[in-house]
């Protein structure tokens, strides 16, 4: 899977989330390693969700893992607290 295909899948999964109750600003960067390597961020701002394929310099947190690990977390098959990159 290419990074573009992976990012498209991930963005679709994230865009299903309801963030309308989140009033504070949140920004998370995801560094994808391995075959589909790349960077993207997820931002919640004024109750709206943004997912973009860029680095986010003023982020609240940064996560680094393989595409398989991120997909398992997104799909609910892996607990993000116990996940290993």
Protein backbone atom coordinates (compact mmCIF):
# COMPACT_ATOMS: atom_id res chain seq x y z
CA UNK A 1 0.00 0.00 0.00
CA UNK A 2 1.35 3.42 -0.90
CA UNK A 3 1.35 6.33 1.55
CA UNK A 4 -1.37 8.07 -0.51
CA UNK A 5 -3.62 4.99 -0.28
CA UNK A 6 -2.90 4.60 3.42
CA UNK A 7 -3.57 8.27 4.16
CA UNK A 8 -6.85 8.16 2.22
CA UNK A 9 -8.00 5.15 4.27
CA UNK A 10 -6.98 6.73 7.59
CA UNK A 11 -8.60 10.07 6.74
CA UNK A 12 -11.88 8.30 5.92
CA UNK A 13 -11.77 6.48 9.27
CA UNK A 14 -11.05 9.65 11.26
CA UNK A 15 -13.69 11.72 9.46
CA UNK A 16 -16.39 9.43 10.90
CA UNK A 17 -15.59 10.70 14.40
CA UNK A 18 -18.00 13.09 16.09
CA UNK A 19 -15.96 15.93 17.59
CA UNK A 20 -18.79 18.44 17.94
CA UNK A 21 -18.58 18.33 21.77
CA UNK A 22 -14.85 19.06 21.86
CA UNK A 23 -14.41 22.77 22.43
CA UNK A 24 -10.67 22.96 23.08
CA UNK A 25 -8.00 22.87 20.38
CA UNK A 26 -6.24 19.52 19.90
CA UNK A 27 -3.53 18.63 17.39
CA UNK A 28 -1.82 15.26 17.00
CA UNK A 29 0.87 14.31 14.53
CA UNK A 30 1.26 10.75 13.28
CA UNK A 31 4.60 9.55 11.89
CA UNK A 32 4.09 6.41 9.85
CA UNK A 33 7.15 4.18 9.46
CA UNK A 34 7.91 1.34 7.07
CA UNK A 35 6.56 0.72 3.59
CA UNK A 36 3.81 3.37 3.74
CA UNK A 37 5.96 5.94 5.54
CA UNK A 38 4.79 9.52 5.80
CA UNK A 39 3.41 12.13 8.17
CA UNK A 40 -0.10 13.42 8.79
CA UNK A 41 -1.94 15.30 11.49
CA UNK A 42 -5.36 15.27 13.08
CA UNK A 43 -6.65 18.55 14.47
CA UNK A 44 -9.84 19.45 16.31
CA UNK A 45 -10.56 23.15 16.16
CA UNK A 46 -13.81 24.86 17.11
CA UNK A 47 -15.70 21.56 17.02
CA UNK A 48 -14.47 20.60 13.53
CA UNK A 49 -12.09 17.81 12.53
CA UNK A 50 -9.21 18.25 10.11
CA UNK A 51 -6.95 15.47 8.82
CA UNK A 52 -4.11 16.61 6.55
CA UNK A 53 -0.93 15.01 5.14
CA UNK A 54 1.48 17.51 6.65
CA UNK A 55 3.68 18.00 9.70
CA UNK A 56 2.10 19.98 12.56
CA UNK A 57 4.72 21.99 14.44
CA UNK A 58 2.62 23.22 17.36
CA UNK A 59 1.14 19.80 18.16
CA UNK A 60 -0.05 18.48 21.51
CA UNK A 61 1.39 15.01 20.93
CA UNK A 62 3.27 12.99 18.33
CA UNK A 63 2.86 9.27 17.66
CA UNK A 64 5.20 7.03 15.67
CA UNK A 65 4.29 3.51 14.54
CA UNK A 66 3.92 1.21 11.57
CA UNK A 67 0.86 1.50 9.34
CA UNK A 68 -0.37 -1.85 10.67
CA UNK A 69 -0.22 -0.63 14.27
CA UNK A 70 -2.10 2.58 13.49
CA UNK A 71 -4.74 0.68 11.52
CA UNK A 72 -5.27 -1.78 14.37
CA UNK A 73 -5.74 1.12 16.80
CA UNK A 74 -8.11 2.99 14.48
CA UNK A 75 -10.16 -0.16 13.88
CA UNK A 76 -10.35 -0.92 17.61
CA UNK A 77 -8.30 -4.14 17.42
CA UNK A 78 -5.42 -2.77 19.53
CA UNK A 79 -5.32 -0.70 22.70
CA UNK A 80 -3.23 2.44 22.01
CA UNK A 81 -1.82 2.39 25.56
CA UNK A 82 -0.27 -1.06 25.15
CA UNK A 83 0.64 -0.75 21.46
CA UNK A 84 4.27 -0.97 20.41
CA UNK A 85 5.63 0.89 17.36
